[in-house]
Amino acid sequence: MIRFDRFAGKFLVLCFLFSGFVALAQVAENPMGGNRTTLPLEFGVKAQGGLGTNDQTGFKFFMLGVHAGKVLTPNVGPGLLRGNFEYAVEVYPLWQSYTPRFQRSTCTLPACLVTGSAGGTFTGVSITPVLLRWNFATTGRVVPWIQGGGGVIWTNHKYPPIAGGPADNTSVWNFTPQFGVGARYFISPRRSIDFGANAVHISSASLGDKNPGINASVQFTIGYTWWKQ
């Protein structure tokens, strides 16, 4: 048997929370719209994941990290292109790539000898010290952006794995030039939920004997950001 007083109390709490959310949504705005001259600072947490493309569709990626940015200019430019320029940095203390496993072998006809295996899970750290973003100056809760940047990845084993030889002959250091698009949805003037899609190239710049790289990977992000005026 349901006690009415308990049910009524819970119902009132839910009504209060819902009314608060509606009120918050009605006053939500973004700190970069209109003719604002403030230069806000942001800090957020992010998750990112995706897949390789072309002949590397078996490569999968997942990472967790933080994002910090500073708007450097007031809103400038004409019409739909009007917006502001932002500099940001991203750090992913957890970076992982899941790659297909394969066996290595050396062949002396008429037989081949298996010498080991390669592939599997690679764990590392990713830092993007240069991330240049253009925020479009919308007045609503949705703020689209485009960005370009570059960073570096360190992995616990030479990456990416390739066939042939007793070692991968690649490198534990790789670079990540990238380009992306996305949008922020402001749930309040100082809080936003962020979505993005990035095309990321991974290459060692020939630091190892071989540089097969990941020509392109498509990676999607979701994050939560705090803003300070």
Protein backbone atom coordinates (compact mmCIF):
# COMPACT_ATOMS: atom_id res chain seq x y z
CA MET A 1 0.00 0.00 0.00
CA ILE A 2 1.38 3.39 -1.05
CA ARG A 3 1.26 6.06 1.63
CA PHE A 4 -0.24 9.22 0.16
CA ASP A 5 1.92 11.60 2.22
CA ARG A 6 5.15 10.05 0.91
CA PHE A 7 3.87 10.04 -2.66
CA ALA A 8 2.73 13.65 -2.38
CA GLY A 9 6.11 14.71 -0.98
CA LYS A 10 8.02 13.06 -3.81
CA PHE A 11 5.61 14.52 -6.36
CA LEU A 12 6.11 18.04 -5.00
CA VAL A 13 9.90 17.62 -5.11
CA LEU A 14 9.71 16.49 -8.75
CA CYS A 15 7.45 19.42 -9.59
CA PHE A 16 9.88 21.82 -7.93
CA LEU A 17 12.87 20.40 -9.84
CA PHE A 18 10.97 20.47 -13.12
CA SER A 19 9.84 24.06 -12.63
CA GLY A 20 13.41 25.05 -11.79
CA PHE A 21 14.70 23.37 -14.95
CA VAL A 22 12.05 25.14 -17.08
CA ALA A 23 12.90 28.49 -15.52
CA LEU A 24 16.61 27.88 -16.09
CA ALA A 25 16.02 26.92 -19.70
CA GLN A 26 13.99 30.07 -20.29
CA VAL A 27 16.78 32.36 -19.08
CA ALA A 28 19.64 30.32 -20.54
CA GLU A 29 21.91 32.32 -22.81
CA ASN A 30 25.46 32.10 -23.97
CA PRO A 31 28.35 34.35 -22.91
CA MET A 32 29.45 35.08 -26.48
CA GLY A 33 26.33 36.24 -28.31
CA GLY A 34 25.30 39.64 -29.62
CA ASN A 35 27.65 42.59 -29.24
CA ARG A 36 29.32 41.39 -26.04
CA THR A 37 32.84 42.58 -25.39
CA THR A 38 33.62 40.19 -22.53
CA LEU A 39 36.30 37.57 -23.10
CA PRO A 40 35.17 34.49 -21.15
CA LEU A 41 37.28 31.59 -19.92
CA GLU A 42 36.12 27.98 -20.11
CA PHE A 43 37.10 24.71 -18.44
CA GLY A 44 35.51 21.34 -19.07
CA VAL A 45 35.73 17.56 -19.06
CA LYS A 46 35.48 15.50 -22.25
CA ALA A 47 35.15 12.00 -23.63
CA GLN A 48 36.18 11.21 -27.18
CA GLY A 49 36.05 8.13 -29.37
CA GLY A 50 35.97 7.03 -32.96
CA LEU A 51 37.24 4.84 -35.77
CA GLY A 52 39.99 4.77 -38.35
CA THR A 53 39.09 5.18 -42.02
CA ASN A 54 39.94 3.54 -45.35
CA ASP A 55 42.18 0.48 -44.77
CA GLN A 56 42.33 1.14 -41.01
CA THR A 57 38.66 0.81 -40.12
CA GLY A 58 39.61 -1.86 -37.59
CA PHE A 59 41.33 0.78 -35.44
CA LYS A 60 39.17 2.13 -32.60
CA PHE A 61 39.86 5.01 -30.20
CA PHE A 62 38.67 6.11 -26.77
CA MET A 63 39.96 8.85 -24.46
CA LEU A 64 39.03 10.88 -21.37
CA GLY A 65 40.42 14.30 -20.54
CA VAL A 66 40.01 18.01 -19.90
CA HIS A 67 39.66 21.12 -22.06
CA ALA A 68 40.54 24.72 -21.21
CA GLY A 69 40.07 27.75 -23.45
CA LYS A 70 40.19 31.53 -23.48
CA VAL A 71 38.25 33.76 -25.87
CA LEU A 72 40.80 36.26 -27.21
CA THR A 73 38.67 38.70 -29.24
CA PRO A 74 35.27 40.37 -29.06
CA ASN A 75 32.75 39.41 -31.72
CA VAL A 76 33.90 40.56 -35.15
CA GLY A 77 33.02 39.91 -38.78
CA PRO A 78 29.97 40.22 -41.05
CA GLY A 79 26.63 38.45 -40.98
CA LEU A 80 26.58 34.72 -40.42
CA LEU A 81 30.38 34.63 -40.16
CA ARG A 82 30.40 36.94 -37.14
CA GLY A 83 32.13 35.39 -34.17
CA ASN A 84 35.15 35.35 -31.90
CA PHE A 85 38.55 33.71 -31.83
CA GLU A 86 39.49 31.31 -29.02
CA TYR A 87 42.71 29.58 -28.01
CA ALA A 88 42.36 26.26 -26.19
CA VAL A 89 44.36 23.33 -24.82
CA GLU A 90 43.27 19.73 -24.36
CA VAL A 91 44.88 17.00 -22.27
CA TYR A 92 43.78 13.36 -22.32
CA PRO A 93 45.50 11.44 -19.47
CA LEU A 94 43.71 8.34 -20.75
CA TRP A 95 44.22 7.66 -24.46
CA GLN A 96 43.59 4.22 -25.89
CA SER A 97 43.62 2.68 -29.35
CA TYR A 98 42.26 -0.81 -30.01
CA THR A 99 43.88 -2.40 -33.05
CA PRO A 100 43.50 -5.75 -34.82
CA ARG A 101 45.92 -8.48 -33.72
CA PHE A 102 48.07 -10.31 -36.25
CA GLN A 103 50.99 -12.70 -36.21
CA ARG A 104 54.52 -11.94 -37.38
CA SER A 105 56.40 -14.53 -39.34
CA THR A 106 59.58 -14.98 -41.30
CA CYS A 107 59.57 -17.20 -44.33
CA THR A 108 62.32 -19.34 -45.77
CA LEU A 109 60.71 -21.36 -48.50
CA PRO A 110 59.09 -23.73 -48.30
CA ALA A 111 58.17 -22.93 -44.66
CA CYS A 112 57.29 -19.90 -42.52
CA LEU A 113 58.14 -19.47 -38.85
CA VAL A 114 55.87 -17.47 -36.53
CA THR A 115 58.07 -15.01 -34.60
CA GLY A 116 55.46 -13.22 -32.48
CA SER A 117 52.30 -11.16 -32.60
CA ALA A 118 51.41 -7.48 -32.75
CA GLY A 119 48.40 -5.24 -32.34
CA GLY A 120 45.90 -5.17 -29.50
CA THR A 121 45.34 -2.31 -27.05
CA PHE A 122 47.69 0.66 -26.89
CA THR A 123 47.50 3.04 -23.91
CA GLY A 124 49.00 6.50 -23.68
CA VAL A 125 48.63 10.22 -23.05
CA SER A 126 47.54 12.85 -25.57
CA ILE A 127 48.23 16.59 -25.34
CA THR A 128 46.95 19.20 -27.79
CA PRO A 129 48.74 22.45 -26.85
CA VAL A 130 47.49 24.37 -29.88
CA LEU A 131 43.76 24.39 -30.59
CA LEU A 132 42.43 27.39 -32.52
CA ARG A 133 38.66 27.75 -32.53
CA TRP A 134 36.19 30.14 -34.17
CA ASN A 135 32.93 30.50 -32.21
CA PHE A 136 29.98 31.81 -34.21
CA ALA A 137 28.22 34.66 -32.38
CA THR A 138 24.69 33.31 -32.08
CA THR A 139 22.25 34.76 -29.55
CA GLY A 140 20.51 31.50 -28.65
CA ARG A 141 21.62 28.56 -26.58
CA VAL A 142 23.38 26.79 -29.46
CA VAL A 143 26.83 28.11 -30.45
CA PRO A 144 28.47 26.35 -33.45
CA TRP A 145 32.25 26.36 -33.90
CA ILE A 146 35.02 25.22 -36.22
CA GLN A 147 38.59 24.48 -35.14
CA GLY A 148 42.03 23.34 -36.18
CA GLY A 149 44.97 22.26 -34.08
CA GLY A 150 47.83 19.92 -33.44
CA GLY A 151 49.20 17.83 -30.62
CA VAL A 152 51.27 14.84 -29.62
CA ILE A 153 50.59 11.32 -28.32
CA TRP A 154 52.87 9.08 -26.26
CA THR A 155 52.00 5.37 -26.14
CA ASN A 156 53.30 2.53 -24.00
CA HIS A 157 54.31 0.60 -27.16
CA LYS A 158 55.39 1.68 -30.62
CA TYR A 159 52.33 2.77 -32.57
CA PRO A 160 50.74 1.94 -34.94
CA PRO A 161 51.45 -1.79 -35.27
CA ILE A 162 52.60 -3.00 -38.69
CA ALA A 163 53.54 -6.36 -40.12
CA GLY A 164 57.11 -7.40 -40.79
CA GLY A 165 60.27 -7.69 -38.73
CA PRO A 166 60.84 -8.50 -35.07
CA ALA A 167 59.73 -5.00 -33.96
CA ASP A 168 57.22 -2.49 -35.20
CA ASN A 169 59.95 -0.03 -36.18
CA THR A 170 57.47 2.80 -35.63
CA SER A 171 57.51 5.16 -32.62
CA VAL A 172 56.02 5.72 -29.17
CA TRP A 173 55.69 9.40 -30.18
CA ASN A 174 53.11 10.51 -32.74
CA PHE A 175 51.70 13.87 -33.81
CA THR A 176 48.02 14.73 -34.30
CA PRO A 177 47.14 17.49 -36.79
CA GLN A 178 43.35 17.79 -36.74
CA PHE A 179 40.28 19.69 -37.91
CA GLY A 180 36.83 19.68 -36.36
CA VAL A 181 33.34 21.11 -36.17
CA GLY A 182 30.87 21.16 -33.30
CA ALA A 183 28.49 23.10 -31.13
CA ARG A 184 27.81 24.04 -27.53
CA TYR A 185 24.37 23.93 -25.96
CA PHE A 186 24.12 26.34 -23.03
CA ILE A 187 21.89 25.07 -20.23
CA SER A 188 22.70 28.25 -18.28
CA PRO A 189 24.89 31.32 -18.91
CA ARG A 190 27.82 29.53 -17.25
CA ARG A 191 27.23 25.88 -18.16
CA SER A 192 27.23 24.13 -21.53
CA ILE A 193 27.07 20.65 -23.00
CA ASP A 194 29.50 20.30 -25.89
CA PHE A 195 29.45 18.12 -29.00
CA GLY A 196 32.09 17.79 -31.71
CA ALA A 197 33.42 15.75 -34.61
CA ASN A 198 37.13 15.74 -35.48
CA ALA A 199 39.20 14.39 -38.35
CA VAL A 200 42.53 13.44 -36.74
CA HIS A 201 45.69 12.40 -38.60
CA ILE A 202 48.25 10.40 -36.58
CA SER A 203 51.86 10.39 -37.75
CA SER A 204 55.31 10.00 -36.17
CA ALA A 205 56.98 12.40 -38.65
CA SER A 206 59.39 9.53 -39.35
CA LEU A 207 60.75 9.36 -35.79
CA GLY A 208 60.78 5.60 -36.24
CA ASP A 209 62.24 3.53 -39.08
CA LYS A 210 58.76 3.34 -40.60
CA ASN A 211 55.93 5.87 -40.58
CA PRO A 212 52.68 4.20 -41.71
CA GLY A 213 50.55 6.57 -39.61
CA ILE A 214 46.77 6.67 -39.40
CA ASN A 215 45.86 8.72 -42.44
CA ALA A 216 42.57 9.79 -40.89
CA SER A 217 40.37 8.86 -37.97
CA VAL A 218 36.92 10.27 -37.31
CA GLN A 219 36.43 10.97 -33.62
CA PHE A 220 33.36 12.28 -31.79
CA THR A 221 33.41 14.20 -28.51
CA ILE A 222 30.96 15.03 -25.76
CA GLY A 223 31.79 17.27 -22.84
CA TYR A 224 30.54 19.45 -20.03
CA THR A 225 31.95 22.98 -19.62
CA TRP A 226 32.01 25.64 -16.92
CA TRP A 227 32.32 29.30 -18.03
CA LYS A 228 33.74 32.31 -16.25
CA GLN A 229 33.09 35.83 -17.48
